[in-house]
PDB file of N, CA and C in Angstrom:
ATOM      1  N   UNK A   1     177.321 128.052 -64.609  1.00  0.00           N
ATOM      2  CA  UNK A   1     177.790 126.747 -65.026  1.00  0.00           C
ATOM      3  C   UNK A   1     176.655 125.747 -64.833  1.00  0.00           C
ATOM      4  N   UNK A   2     176.454 124.937 -65.773  1.00  0.00           N
ATOM      5  CA  UNK A   2     175.510 123.835 -65.651  1.00  0.00           C
ATOM      6  C   UNK A   2     176.330 122.549 -65.597  1.00  0.00           C
ATOM      7  N   UNK A   3     175.961 121.681 -64.687  1.00  0.00           N
ATOM      8  CA  UNK A   3     176.674 120.412 -64.596  1.00  0.00           C
ATOM      9  C   UNK A   3     176.419 119.605 -65.865  1.00  0.00           C
ATOM     10  N   UNK A   4     177.430 119.009 -66.394  1.00  0.00           N
ATOM     11  CA  UNK A   4     177.279 118.169 -67.588  1.00  0.00           C
ATOM     12  C   UNK A   4     176.857 116.769 -67.145  1.00  0.00           C
ATOM     13  N   UNK A   5     175.908 116.203 -67.859  1.00  0.00           N
ATOM     14  CA  UNK A   5     175.397 114.871 -67.575  1.00  0.00           C
ATOM     15  C   UNK A   5     175.101 114.727 -66.088  1.00  0.00           C
ATOM     16  N   UNK A   6     174.380 115.692 -65.567  1.00  0.00           N
ATOM     17  CA  UNK A   6     174.115 115.731 -64.134  1.00  0.00           C
ATOM     18  C   UNK A   6     173.252 114.546 -63.709  1.00  0.00           C
ATOM     19  N   UNK A   7     173.674 113.902 -62.667  1.00  0.00           N
ATOM     20  CA  UNK A   7     172.980 112.773 -62.091  1.00  0.00           C
ATOM     21  C   UNK A   7     171.754 113.274 -61.332  1.00  0.00           C
ATOM     22  N   UNK A   8     170.580 112.743 -61.600  1.00  0.00           N
ATOM     23  CA  UNK A   8     169.390 113.186 -60.875  1.00  0.00           C
ATOM     24  C   UNK A   8     169.479 112.924 -59.370  1.00  0.00           C
ATOM     25  N   UNK A   9     170.352 112.027 -58.956  1.00  0.00           N
ATOM     26  CA  UNK A   9     170.526 111.723 -57.539  1.00  0.00           C
ATOM     27  C   UNK A   9     171.526 112.652 -56.862  1.00  0.00           C
ATOM     28  N   UNK A  10     172.148 113.523 -57.611  1.00  0.00           N
ATOM     29  CA  UNK A  10     173.120 114.459 -57.054  1.00  0.00           C
ATOM     30  C   UNK A  10     172.392 115.477 -56.174  1.00  0.00           C
ATOM     31  N   UNK A  11     172.849 115.683 -54.939  1.00  0.00           N
ATOM     32  CA  UNK A  11     172.165 116.638 -54.066  1.00  0.00           C
ATOM     33  C   UNK A  11     172.166 118.056 -54.626  1.00  0.00           C
ATOM     34  N   UNK A  12     173.220 118.446 -55.299  1.00  0.00           N
ATOM     35  CA  UNK A  12     173.280 119.792 -55.870  1.00  0.00           C
ATOM     36  C   UNK A  12     172.231 119.935 -56.965  1.00  0.00           C
ATOM     37  N   UNK A  13     172.058 118.913 -57.777  1.00  0.00           N
ATOM     38  CA  UNK A  13     171.038 118.949 -58.826  1.00  0.00           C
ATOM     39  C   UNK A  13     169.642 119.034 -58.211  1.00  0.00           C
ATOM     40  N   UNK A  14     169.390 118.279 -57.151  1.00  0.00           N
ATOM     41  CA  UNK A  14     168.074 118.338 -56.498  1.00  0.00           C
ATOM     42  C   UNK A  14     167.811 119.719 -55.909  1.00  0.00           C
ATOM     43  N   UNK A  15     168.831 120.335 -55.306  1.00  0.00           N
ATOM     44  CA  UNK A  15     168.668 121.679 -54.750  1.00  0.00           C
ATOM     45  C   UNK A  15     168.425 122.692 -55.864  1.00  0.00           C
ATOM     46  N   UNK A  16     169.140 122.543 -56.970  1.00  0.00           N
ATOM     47  CA  UNK A  16     168.958 123.432 -58.124  1.00  0.00           C
ATOM     48  C   UNK A  16     167.531 123.344 -58.640  1.00  0.00           C
ATOM     49  N   UNK A  17     167.036 122.125 -58.796  1.00  0.00           N
ATOM     50  CA  UNK A  17     165.674 121.922 -59.288  1.00  0.00           C
ATOM     51  C   UNK A  17     164.649 122.520 -58.325  1.00  0.00           C
ATOM     52  N   UNK A  18     164.877 122.376 -57.022  1.00  0.00           N
ATOM     53  CA  UNK A  18     163.955 122.943 -56.029  1.00  0.00           C
ATOM     54  C   UNK A  18     163.928 124.464 -56.149  1.00  0.00           C
ATOM     55  N   UNK A  19     165.097 125.085 -56.285  1.00  0.00           N
ATOM     56  CA  UNK A  19     165.164 126.548 -56.402  1.00  0.00           C
ATOM     57  C   UNK A  19     164.420 127.023 -57.647  1.00  0.00           C
ATOM     58  N   UNK A  20     164.617 126.342 -58.746  1.00  0.00           N
ATOM     59  CA  UNK A  20     163.949 126.726 -59.994  1.00  0.00           C
ATOM     60  C   UNK A  20     162.433 126.566 -59.844  1.00  0.00           C
ATOM     61  N   UNK A  21     162.007 125.471 -59.218  1.00  0.00           N
ATOM     62  CA  UNK A  21     160.560 125.255 -59.060  1.00  0.00           C
ATOM     63  C   UNK A  21     159.935 126.285 -58.116  1.00  0.00           C
ATOM     64  N   UNK A  22     160.737 126.881 -57.233  1.00  0.00           N
ATOM     65  CA  UNK A  22     160.242 127.920 -56.330  1.00  0.00           C
ATOM     66  C   UNK A  22     160.266 129.309 -56.969  1.00  0.00           C
ATOM     67  N   UNK A  23     160.751 129.379 -58.194  1.00  0.00           N
ATOM     68  CA  UNK A  23     160.718 130.646 -58.902  1.00  0.00           C
ATOM     69  C   UNK A  23     162.012 131.439 -58.904  1.00  0.00           C
ATOM     70  N   UNK A  24     163.105 130.837 -58.452  1.00  0.00           N
ATOM     71  CA  UNK A  24     164.387 131.537 -58.513  1.00  0.00           C
ATOM     72  C   UNK A  24     164.682 131.894 -59.968  1.00  0.00           C
ATOM     73  N   UNK A  25     165.129 133.114 -60.190  1.00  0.00           N
ATOM     74  CA  UNK A  25     165.419 133.594 -61.546  1.00  0.00           C
ATOM     75  C   UNK A  25     166.781 133.134 -62.042  1.00  0.00           C
ATOM     76  N   UNK A  26     167.642 132.744 -61.127  1.00  0.00           N
ATOM     77  CA  UNK A  26     168.961 132.272 -61.515  1.00  0.00           C
ATOM     78  C   UNK A  26     169.538 131.373 -60.451  1.00  0.00           C
ATOM     79  N   UNK A  27     170.261 130.369 -60.895  1.00  0.00           N
ATOM     80  CA  UNK A  27     170.948 129.465 -59.991  1.00  0.00           C
ATOM     81  C   UNK A  27     172.361 129.318 -60.532  1.00  0.00           C
ATOM     82  N   UNK A  28     173.336 129.593 -59.690  1.00  0.00           N
ATOM     83  CA  UNK A  28     174.736 129.482 -60.090  1.00  0.00           C
ATOM     84  C   UNK A  28     175.351 128.287 -59.389  1.00  0.00           C
ATOM     85  N   UNK A  29     175.837 127.350 -60.171  1.00  0.00           N
ATOM     86  CA  UNK A  29     176.596 126.227 -59.628  1.00  0.00           C
ATOM     87  C   UNK A  29     178.017 126.445 -60.103  1.00  0.00           C
ATOM     88  N   UNK A  30     178.884 126.806 -59.166  1.00  0.00           N
ATOM     89  CA  UNK A  30     180.252 127.176 -59.516  1.00  0.00           C
ATOM     90  C   UNK A  30     181.235 126.247 -58.824  1.00  0.00           C
ATOM     91  N   UNK A  31     182.282 125.821 -59.549  1.00  0.00           N
ATOM     92  CA  UNK A  31     183.279 124.950 -58.941  1.00  0.00           C
ATOM     93  C   UNK A  31     184.277 125.720 -58.063  1.00  0.00           C
ATOM     94  N   UNK A  32     184.015 126.976 -57.835  1.00  0.00           N
ATOM     95  CA  UNK A  32     184.894 127.777 -56.981  1.00  0.00           C
ATOM     96  C   UNK A  32     184.269 129.121 -56.698  1.00  0.00           C
ATOM     97  N   UNK A  33     184.735 129.741 -55.631  1.00  0.00           N
ATOM     98  CA  UNK A  33     184.164 130.993 -55.172  1.00  0.00           C
ATOM     99  C   UNK A  33     184.270 132.141 -56.147  1.00  0.00           C
ATOM    100  N   UNK A  34     185.341 132.209 -56.908  1.00  0.00           N
ATOM    101  CA  UNK A  34     185.516 133.333 -57.822  1.00  0.00           C
ATOM    102  C   UNK A  34     184.457 133.354 -58.914  1.00  0.00           C
ATOM    103  N   UNK A  35     184.089 132.191 -59.423  1.00  0.00           N
ATOM    104  CA  UNK A  35     183.025 132.148 -60.435  1.00  0.00           C
ATOM    105  C   UNK A  35     181.692 132.563 -59.827  1.00  0.00           C
ATOM    106  N   UNK A  36     181.438 132.180 -58.590  1.00  0.00           N
ATOM    107  CA  UNK A  36     180.200 132.578 -57.922  1.00  0.00           C
ATOM    108  C   UNK A  36     180.163 134.090 -57.728  1.00  0.00           C
ATOM    109  N   UNK A  37     181.277 134.687 -57.352  1.00  0.00           N
ATOM    110  CA  UNK A  37     181.344 136.141 -57.157  1.00  0.00           C
ATOM    111  C   UNK A  37     181.111 136.858 -58.476  1.00  0.00           C
ATOM    112  N   UNK A  38     181.676 136.353 -59.559  1.00  0.00           N
ATOM    113  CA  UNK A  38     181.434 136.963 -60.877  1.00  0.00           C
ATOM    114  C   UNK A  38     179.954 136.901 -61.230  1.00  0.00           C
ATOM    115  N   UNK A  39     179.301 135.798 -60.888  1.00  0.00           N
ATOM    116  CA  UNK A  39     177.869 135.660 -61.140  1.00  0.00           C
ATOM    117  C   UNK A  39     177.102 136.719 -60.355  1.00  0.00           C
ATOM    118  N   UNK A  40     177.441 136.892 -59.081  1.00  0.00           N
ATOM    119  CA  UNK A  40     176.771 137.878 -58.225  1.00  0.00           C
ATOM    120  C   UNK A  40     177.011 139.283 -58.764  1.00  0.00           C
ATOM    121  N   UNK A  41     178.237 139.560 -59.152  1.00  0.00           N
ATOM    122  CA  UNK A  41     178.584 140.884 -59.685  1.00  0.00           C
ATOM    123  C   UNK A  41     177.782 141.197 -60.944  1.00  0.00           C
ATOM    124  N   UNK A  42     177.653 140.216 -61.819  1.00  0.00           N
ATOM    125  CA  UNK A  42     176.951 140.414 -63.085  1.00  0.00           C
ATOM    126  C   UNK A  42     175.434 140.488 -62.900  1.00  0.00           C
ATOM    127  N   UNK A  43     174.871 139.629 -62.066  1.00  0.00           N
ATOM    128  CA  UNK A  43     173.418 139.487 -61.967  1.00  0.00           C
ATOM    129  C   UNK A  43     172.768 140.245 -60.820  1.00  0.00           C
ATOM    130  N   UNK A  44     173.534 140.682 -59.851  1.00  0.00           N
ATOM    131  CA  UNK A  44     173.031 141.456 -58.700  1.00  0.00           C
ATOM    132  C   UNK A  44     171.731 140.862 -58.133  1.00  0.00           C
ATOM    133  N   UNK A  45     171.819 139.651 -57.572  1.00  0.00           N
ATOM    134  CA  UNK A  45     170.607 139.028 -57.031  1.00  0.00           C
ATOM    135  C   UNK A  45     170.077 139.781 -55.814  1.00  0.00           C
ATOM    136  N   UNK A  46     168.801 139.597 -55.537  1.00  0.00           N
ATOM    137  CA  UNK A  46     168.163 140.225 -54.370  1.00  0.00           C
ATOM    138  C   UNK A  46     168.509 139.476 -53.088  1.00  0.00           C
ATOM    139  N   UNK A  47     168.909 138.225 -53.207  1.00  0.00           N
ATOM    140  CA  UNK A  47     169.285 137.400 -52.059  1.00  0.00           C
ATOM    141  C   UNK A  47     170.119 136.224 -52.532  1.00  0.00           C
ATOM    142  N   UNK A  48     170.858 135.643 -51.609  1.00  0.00           N
ATOM    143  CA  UNK A  48     171.751 134.541 -51.958  1.00  0.00           C
ATOM    144  C   UNK A  48     171.591 133.417 -50.943  1.00  0.00           C
ATOM    145  N   UNK A  49     171.459 132.191 -51.448  1.00  0.00           N
ATOM    146  CA  UNK A  49     171.569 130.994 -50.627  1.00  0.00           C
ATOM    147  C   UNK A  49     172.868 130.342 -51.078  1.00  0.00           C
ATOM    148  N   UNK A  50     173.852 130.350 -50.192  1.00  0.00           N
ATOM    149  CA  UNK A  50     175.173 129.834 -50.541  1.00  0.00           C
ATOM    150  C   UNK A  50     175.379 128.464 -49.905  1.00  0.00           C
ATOM    151  N   UNK A  51     175.720 127.497 -50.738  1.00  0.00           N
ATOM    152  CA  UNK A  51     176.036 126.145 -50.279  1.00  0.00           C
ATOM    153  C   UNK A  51     177.477 125.891 -50.687  1.00  0.00           C
ATOM    154  N   UNK A  52     178.345 125.758 -49.691  1.00  0.00           N
ATOM    155  CA  UNK A  52     179.773 125.602 -49.995  1.00  0.00           C
ATOM    156  C   UNK A  52     180.515 125.144 -48.745  1.00  0.00           C
ATOM    157  N   UNK A  53     181.822 124.919 -48.905  1.00  0.00           N
ATOM    158  CA  UNK A  53     182.653 124.595 -47.747  1.00  0.00           C
ATOM    159  C   UNK A  53     182.841 125.866 -46.917  1.00  0.00           C
ATOM    160  N   UNK A  54     183.259 125.697 -45.681  1.00  0.00           N
ATOM    161  CA  UNK A  54     183.396 126.836 -44.762  1.00  0.00           C
ATOM    162  C   UNK A  54     184.297 127.928 -45.331  1.00  0.00           C
ATOM    163  N   UNK A  55     185.423 127.535 -45.892  1.00  0.00           N
ATOM    164  CA  UNK A  55     186.379 128.519 -46.425  1.00  0.00           C
ATOM    165  C   UNK A  55     185.746 129.348 -47.540  1.00  0.00           C
ATOM    166  N   UNK A  56     185.085 128.686 -48.475  1.00  0.00           N
ATOM    167  CA  UNK A  56     184.445 129.396 -49.588  1.00  0.00           C
ATOM    168  C   UNK A  56     183.308 130.288 -49.103  1.00  0.00           C
ATOM    169  N   UNK A  57     182.572 129.829 -48.084  1.00  0.00           N
ATOM    170  CA  UNK A  57     181.489 130.644 -47.535  1.00  0.00           C
ATOM    171  C   UNK A  57     182.039 131.931 -46.931  1.00  0.00           C
ATOM    172  N   UNK A  58     183.103 131.821 -46.145  1.00  0.00           N
ATOM    173  CA  UNK A  58     183.709 133.008 -45.527  1.00  0.00           C
ATOM    174  C   UNK A  58     184.198 133.990 -46.589  1.00  0.00           C
ATOM    175  N   UNK A  59     184.916 133.476 -47.570  1.00  0.00           N
ATOM    176  CA  UNK A  59     185.441 134.338 -48.631  1.00  0.00           C
ATOM    177  C   UNK A  59     184.317 134.951 -49.454  1.00  0.00           C
ATOM    178  N   UNK A  60     183.274 134.171 -49.721  1.00  0.00           N
ATOM    179  CA  UNK A  60     182.150 134.672 -50.505  1.00  0.00           C
ATOM    180  C   UNK A  60     181.397 135.776 -49.801  1.00  0.00           C
ATOM    181  N   UNK A  61     181.171 135.619 -48.508  1.00  0.00           N
ATOM    182  CA  UNK A  61     180.472 136.647 -47.739  1.00  0.00           C
ATOM    183  C   UNK A  61     181.266 137.946 -47.763  1.00  0.00           C
ATOM    184  N   UNK A  62     182.573 137.846 -47.577  1.00  0.00           N
ATOM    185  CA  UNK A  62     183.429 139.045 -47.609  1.00  0.00           C
ATOM    186  C   UNK A  62     183.408 139.692 -48.986  1.00  0.00           C
ATOM    187  N   UNK A  63     183.479 138.893 -50.024  1.00  0.00           N
ATOM    188  CA  UNK A  63     183.493 139.435 -51.391  1.00  0.00           C
ATOM    189  C   UNK A  63     182.177 140.110 -51.743  1.00  0.00           C
ATOM    190  N   UNK A  64     181.056 139.519 -51.335  1.00  0.00           N
ATOM    191  CA  UNK A  64     179.752 140.124 -51.615  1.00  0.00           C
ATOM    192  C   UNK A  64     179.622 141.437 -50.849  1.00  0.00           C
ATOM    193  N   UNK A  65     180.119 141.471 -49.628  1.00  0.00           N
ATOM    194  CA  UNK A  65     180.088 142.715 -48.851  1.00  0.00           C
ATOM    195  C   UNK A  65     180.901 143.802 -49.545  1.00  0.00           C
ATOM    196  N   UNK A  66     182.040 143.449 -50.104  1.00  0.00           N
ATOM    197  CA  UNK A  66     182.868 144.414 -50.842  1.00  0.00           C
ATOM    198  C   UNK A  66     182.129 144.933 -52.076  1.00  0.00           C
ATOM    199  N   UNK A  67     181.448 144.032 -52.795  1.00  0.00           N
ATOM    200  CA  UNK A  67     180.673 144.447 -53.968  1.00  0.00           C
ATOM    201  C   UNK A  67     179.584 145.431 -53.563  1.00  0.00           C
ATOM    202  N   UNK A  68     178.975 145.191 -52.420  1.00  0.00           N
ATOM    203  CA  UNK A  68     177.888 146.040 -51.952  1.00  0.00           C
ATOM    204  C   UNK A  68     178.320 147.422 -51.508  1.00  0.00           C
ATOM    205  N   UNK A  69     179.597 147.578 -51.170  1.00  0.00           N
ATOM    206  CA  UNK A  69     180.089 148.886 -50.721  1.00  0.00           C
ATOM    207  C   UNK A  69     179.980 149.939 -51.815  1.00  0.00           C
ATOM    208  N   UNK A  70     180.161 149.527 -53.048  1.00  0.00           N
ATOM    209  CA  UNK A  70     180.144 150.472 -54.161  1.00  0.00           C
ATOM    210  C   UNK A  70     178.776 151.134 -54.310  1.00  0.00           C
ATOM    211  N   UNK A  71     177.711 150.362 -54.182  1.00  0.00           N
ATOM    212  CA  UNK A  71     176.371 150.928 -54.365  1.00  0.00           C
ATOM    213  C   UNK A  71     175.516 150.822 -53.101  1.00  0.00           C
ATOM    214  N   UNK A  72     176.159 150.462 -51.998  1.00  0.00           N
ATOM    215  CA  UNK A  72     175.491 150.329 -50.692  1.00  0.00           C
ATOM    216  C   UNK A  72     174.330 149.339 -50.725  1.00  0.00           C
ATOM    217  N   UNK A  73     174.434 148.369 -51.608  1.00  0.00           N
ATOM    218  CA  UNK A  73     173.410 147.332 -51.715  1.00  0.00           C
ATOM    219  C   UNK A  73     174.071 145.968 -51.675  1.00  0.00           C
ATOM    220  N   UNK A  74     174.061 145.370 -50.540  1.00  0.00           N
ATOM    221  CA  UNK A  74     174.598 144.028 -50.407  1.00  0.00           C
ATOM    222  C   UNK A  74     173.423 143.093 -50.137  1.00  0.00           C
ATOM    223  N   UNK A  75     173.227 142.083 -50.986  1.00  0.00           N
ATOM    224  CA  UNK A  75     172.062 141.211 -50.792  1.00  0.00           C
ATOM    225  C   UNK A  75     172.198 140.371 -49.530  1.00  0.00           C
ATOM    226  N   UNK A  76     171.089 140.021 -48.915  1.00  0.00           N
ATOM    227  CA  UNK A  76     171.158 139.119 -47.763  1.00  0.00           C
ATOM    228  C   UNK A  76     171.666 137.758 -48.213  1.00  0.00           C
ATOM    229  N   UNK A  77     172.429 137.123 -47.337  1.00  0.00           N
ATOM    230  CA  UNK A  77     173.008 135.814 -47.647  1.00  0.00           C
ATOM    231  C   UNK A  77     172.650 134.848 -46.524  1.00  0.00           C
ATOM    232  N   UNK A  78     172.136 133.696 -46.884  1.00  0.00           N
ATOM    233  CA  UNK A  78     172.003 132.597 -45.933  1.00  0.00           C
ATOM    234  C   UNK A  78     172.950 131.504 -46.398  1.00  0.00           C
ATOM    235  N   UNK A  79     173.562 130.831 -45.439  1.00  0.00           N
ATOM    236  CA  UNK A  79     174.590 129.855 -45.797  1.00  0.00           C
ATOM    237  C   UNK A  79     174.224 128.465 -45.307  1.00  0.00           C
ATOM    238  N   UNK A  80     174.646 127.491 -46.100  1.00  0.00           N
ATOM    239  CA  UNK A  80     174.511 126.084 -45.750  1.00  0.00           C
ATOM    240  C   UNK A  80     175.864 125.439 -46.028  1.00  0.00           C
ATOM    241  N   UNK A  81     176.611 125.136 -44.968  1.00  0.00           N
ATOM    242  CA  UNK A  81     177.923 124.530 -45.190  1.00  0.00           C
ATOM    243  C   UNK A  81     177.814 123.080 -45.658  1.00  0.00           C
ATOM    244  N   UNK A  82     178.745 122.683 -46.497  1.00  0.00           N
ATOM    245  CA  UNK A  82     178.815 121.288 -46.910  1.00  0.00           C
ATOM    246  C   UNK A  82     179.143 120.435 -45.690  1.00  0.00           C
ATOM    247  N   UNK A  83     178.627 119.218 -45.664  1.00  0.00           N
ATOM    248  CA  UNK A  83     178.969 118.302 -44.573  1.00  0.00           C
ATOM    249  C   UNK A  83     180.244 117.536 -44.888  1.00  0.00           C
ATOM    250  N   UNK A  84     180.664 117.609 -46.160  1.00  0.00           N
ATOM    251  CA  UNK A  84     181.930 117.001 -46.593  1.00  0.00           C
ATOM    252  C   UNK A  84     182.499 117.938 -47.648  1.00  0.00           C
ATOM    253  N   UNK A  85     183.702 118.443 -47.420  1.00  0.00           N
ATOM    254  CA  UNK A  85     184.316 119.355 -48.378  1.00  0.00           C
ATOM    255  C   UNK A  85     184.686 118.626 -49.660  1.00  0.00           C
ATOM    256  N   UNK A  86     184.684 119.370 -50.755  1.00  0.00           N
ATOM    257  CA  UNK A  86     185.103 118.822 -52.034  1.00  0.00           C
ATOM    258  C   UNK A  86     184.013 118.920 -53.075  1.00  0.00           C
ATOM    259  N   UNK A  87     184.439 118.947 -54.325  1.00  0.00           N
ATOM    260  CA  UNK A  87     183.508 119.092 -55.432  1.00  0.00           C
ATOM    261  C   UNK A  87     183.053 117.748 -55.983  1.00  0.00           C
ATOM    262  N   UNK A  88     183.666 116.662 -55.522  1.00  0.00           N
ATOM    263  CA  UNK A  88     183.278 115.334 -55.977  1.00  0.00           C
ATOM    264  C   UNK A  88     182.491 114.684 -54.847  1.00  0.00           C
ATOM    265  N   UNK A  89     181.378 114.065 -55.197  1.00  0.00           N
ATOM    266  CA  UNK A  89     180.517 113.438 -54.196  1.00  0.00           C
ATOM    267  C   UNK A  89     180.157 114.429 -53.085  1.00  0.00           C
ATOM    268  N   UNK A  90     179.704 115.601 -53.490  1.00  0.00           N
ATOM    269  CA  UNK A  90     179.335 116.661 -52.562  1.00  0.00           C
ATOM    270  C   UNK A  90     178.273 116.161 -51.599  1.00  0.00           C
ATOM    271  N   UNK A  91     178.451 116.494 -50.315  1.00  0.00           N
ATOM    272  CA  UNK A  91     177.466 116.124 -49.309  1.00  0.00           C
ATOM    273  C   UNK A  91     177.012 117.381 -48.588  1.00  0.00           C
ATOM    274  N   UNK A  92     175.687 117.503 -48.433  1.00  0.00           N
ATOM    275  CA  UNK A  92     175.087 118.652 -47.777  1.00  0.00           C
ATOM    276  C   UNK A  92     173.817 118.187 -47.064  1.00  0.00           C
ATOM    277  N   UNK A  93     173.455 118.859 -46.001  1.00  0.00           N
ATOM    278  CA  UNK A  93     172.200 118.576 -45.312  1.00  0.00           C
ATOM    279  C   UNK A  93     171.090 119.146 -46.205  1.00  0.00           C
ATOM    280  N   UNK A  94     170.498 118.282 -47.024  1.00  0.00           N
ATOM    281  CA  UNK A  94     169.526 118.741 -48.020  1.00  0.00           C
ATOM    282  C   UNK A  94     168.284 119.358 -47.396  1.00  0.00           C
ATOM    283  N   UNK A  95     167.817 118.799 -46.292  1.00  0.00           N
ATOM    284  CA  UNK A  95     166.619 119.357 -45.662  1.00  0.00           C
ATOM    285  C   UNK A  95     166.882 120.792 -45.206  1.00  0.00           C
ATOM    286  N   UNK A  96     168.027 121.011 -44.593  1.00  0.00           N
ATOM    287  CA  UNK A  96     168.384 122.373 -44.161  1.00  0.00           C
ATOM    288  C   UNK A  96     168.520 123.298 -45.369  1.00  0.00           C
ATOM    289  N   UNK A  97     169.181 122.807 -46.410  1.00  0.00           N
ATOM    290  CA  UNK A  97     169.357 123.622 -47.614  1.00  0.00           C
ATOM    291  C   UNK A  97     168.003 123.962 -48.237  1.00  0.00           C
ATOM    292  N   UNK A  98     167.097 122.995 -48.304  1.00  0.00           N
ATOM    293  CA  UNK A  98     165.763 123.257 -48.860  1.00  0.00           C
ATOM    294  C   UNK A  98     165.004 124.276 -48.021  1.00  0.00           C
ATOM    295  N   UNK A  99     165.161 124.189 -46.702  1.00  0.00           N
ATOM    296  CA  UNK A  99     164.528 125.183 -45.828  1.00  0.00           C
ATOM    297  C   UNK A  99     165.066 126.584 -46.133  1.00  0.00           C
ATOM    298  N   UNK A 100     166.362 126.696 -46.335  1.00  0.00           N
ATOM    299  CA  UNK A 100     166.970 127.995 -46.627  1.00  0.00           C
ATOM    300  C   UNK A 100     166.542 128.499 -48.004  1.00  0.00           C
ATOM    301  N   UNK A 101     166.458 127.605 -48.967  1.00  0.00           N
ATOM    302  CA  UNK A 101     166.028 127.981 -50.316  1.00  0.00           C
ATOM    303  C   UNK A 101     164.589 128.487 -50.288  1.00  0.00           C
ATOM    304  N   UNK A 102     163.756 127.893 -49.429  1.00  0.00           N
ATOM    305  CA  UNK A 102     162.344 128.263 -49.357  1.00  0.00           C
ATOM    306  C   UNK A 102     162.086 129.537 -48.556  1.00  0.00           C
ATOM    307  N   UNK A 103     163.091 130.050 -47.849  1.00  0.00           N
ATOM    308  CA  UNK A 103     162.899 131.290 -47.085  1.00  0.00           C
ATOM    309  C   UNK A 103     162.387 132.392 -48.001  1.00  0.00           C
ATOM    310  N   UNK A 104     161.387 133.079 -47.553  1.00  0.00           N
ATOM    311  CA  UNK A 104     160.878 134.202 -48.328  1.00  0.00           C
ATOM    312  C   UNK A 104     159.944 133.816 -49.461  1.00  0.00           C
ATOM    313  N   UNK A 105     159.782 132.520 -49.700  1.00  0.00           N
ATOM    314  CA  UNK A 105     158.855 132.075 -50.733  1.00  0.00           C
ATOM    315  C   UNK A 105     157.490 131.869 -50.100  1.00  0.00           C
ATOM    316  N   UNK A 106     156.463 132.095 -50.870  1.00  0.00           N
ATOM    317  CA  UNK A 106     155.112 131.910 -50.349  1.00  0.00           C
ATOM    318  C   UNK A 106     154.866 130.429 -50.056  1.00  0.00           C
ATOM    319  N   UNK A 107     153.950 130.165 -49.141  1.00  0.00           N
ATOM    320  CA  UNK A 107     153.604 128.779 -48.843  1.00  0.00           C
ATOM    321  C   UNK A 107     153.048 128.090 -50.072  1.00  0.00           C
ATOM    322  N   UNK A 108     152.343 128.814 -50.897  1.00  0.00           N
ATOM    323  CA  UNK A 108     151.799 128.266 -52.133  1.00  0.00           C
ATOM    324  C   UNK A 108     152.945 127.771 -53.030  1.00  0.00           C
ATOM    325  N   UNK A 109     154.008 128.557 -53.113  1.00  0.00           N
ATOM    326  CA  UNK A 109     155.141 128.187 -53.973  1.00  0.00           C
ATOM    327  C   UNK A 109     155.864 126.963 -53.445  1.00  0.00           C
ATOM    328  N   UNK A 110     155.883 126.780 -52.107  1.00  0.00           N
ATOM    329  CA  UNK A 110     156.639 125.679 -51.542  1.00  0.00           C
ATOM    330  C   UNK A 110     155.890 124.346 -51.555  1.00  0.00           C
ATOM    331  N   UNK A 111     154.612 124.358 -51.894  1.00  0.00           N
ATOM    332  CA  UNK A 111     153.870 123.099 -51.990  1.00  0.00           C
ATOM    333  C   UNK A 111     154.451 122.258 -53.119  1.00  0.00           C
ATOM    334  N   UNK A 112     154.668 121.003 -52.822  1.00  0.00           N
ATOM    335  CA  UNK A 112     155.172 120.093 -53.836  1.00  0.00           C
ATOM    336  C   UNK A 112     156.682 120.088 -53.974  1.00  0.00           C
ATOM    337  N   UNK A 113     157.399 120.940 -53.236  1.00  0.00           N
ATOM    338  CA  UNK A 113     158.853 120.917 -53.292  1.00  0.00           C
ATOM    339  C   UNK A 113     159.320 119.835 -52.328  1.00  0.00           C
ATOM    340  N   UNK A 114     160.054 118.866 -52.843  1.00  0.00           N
ATOM    341  CA  UNK A 114     160.489 117.725 -52.042  1.00  0.00           C
ATOM    342  C   UNK A 114     161.379 118.158 -50.897  1.00  0.00           C
ATOM    343  N   UNK A 115     161.136 117.574 -49.752  1.00  0.00           N
ATOM    344  CA  UNK A 115     161.996 117.772 -48.578  1.00  0.00           C
ATOM    345  C   UNK A 115     162.513 116.438 -48.113  1.00  0.00           C
TER     346      UNK A 115
END
């Protein structure tokens, strides 16, 4: 899902742009956990940075683990909980999220990524 008329000041948009600039091959912005799980099932990412409310994070981790049982390949997941639940006016600790997004990326790739 791509946000329609996405505000450049939206924290989710800034995190998406940072991930893309670091070379992420795919970024899923889903208004619910089930759409995110379908994305993971279809694309089989090598790793996941999940930004969501606590409930969605718990359910997502369990669902990804279930997907991994079939082929014994469950991608590593790092989580960043929202500081305010809800899909409107989403709030997240952007610095922490950017740190998690940059995990595993070369220092060269992380130069110029806003923190």
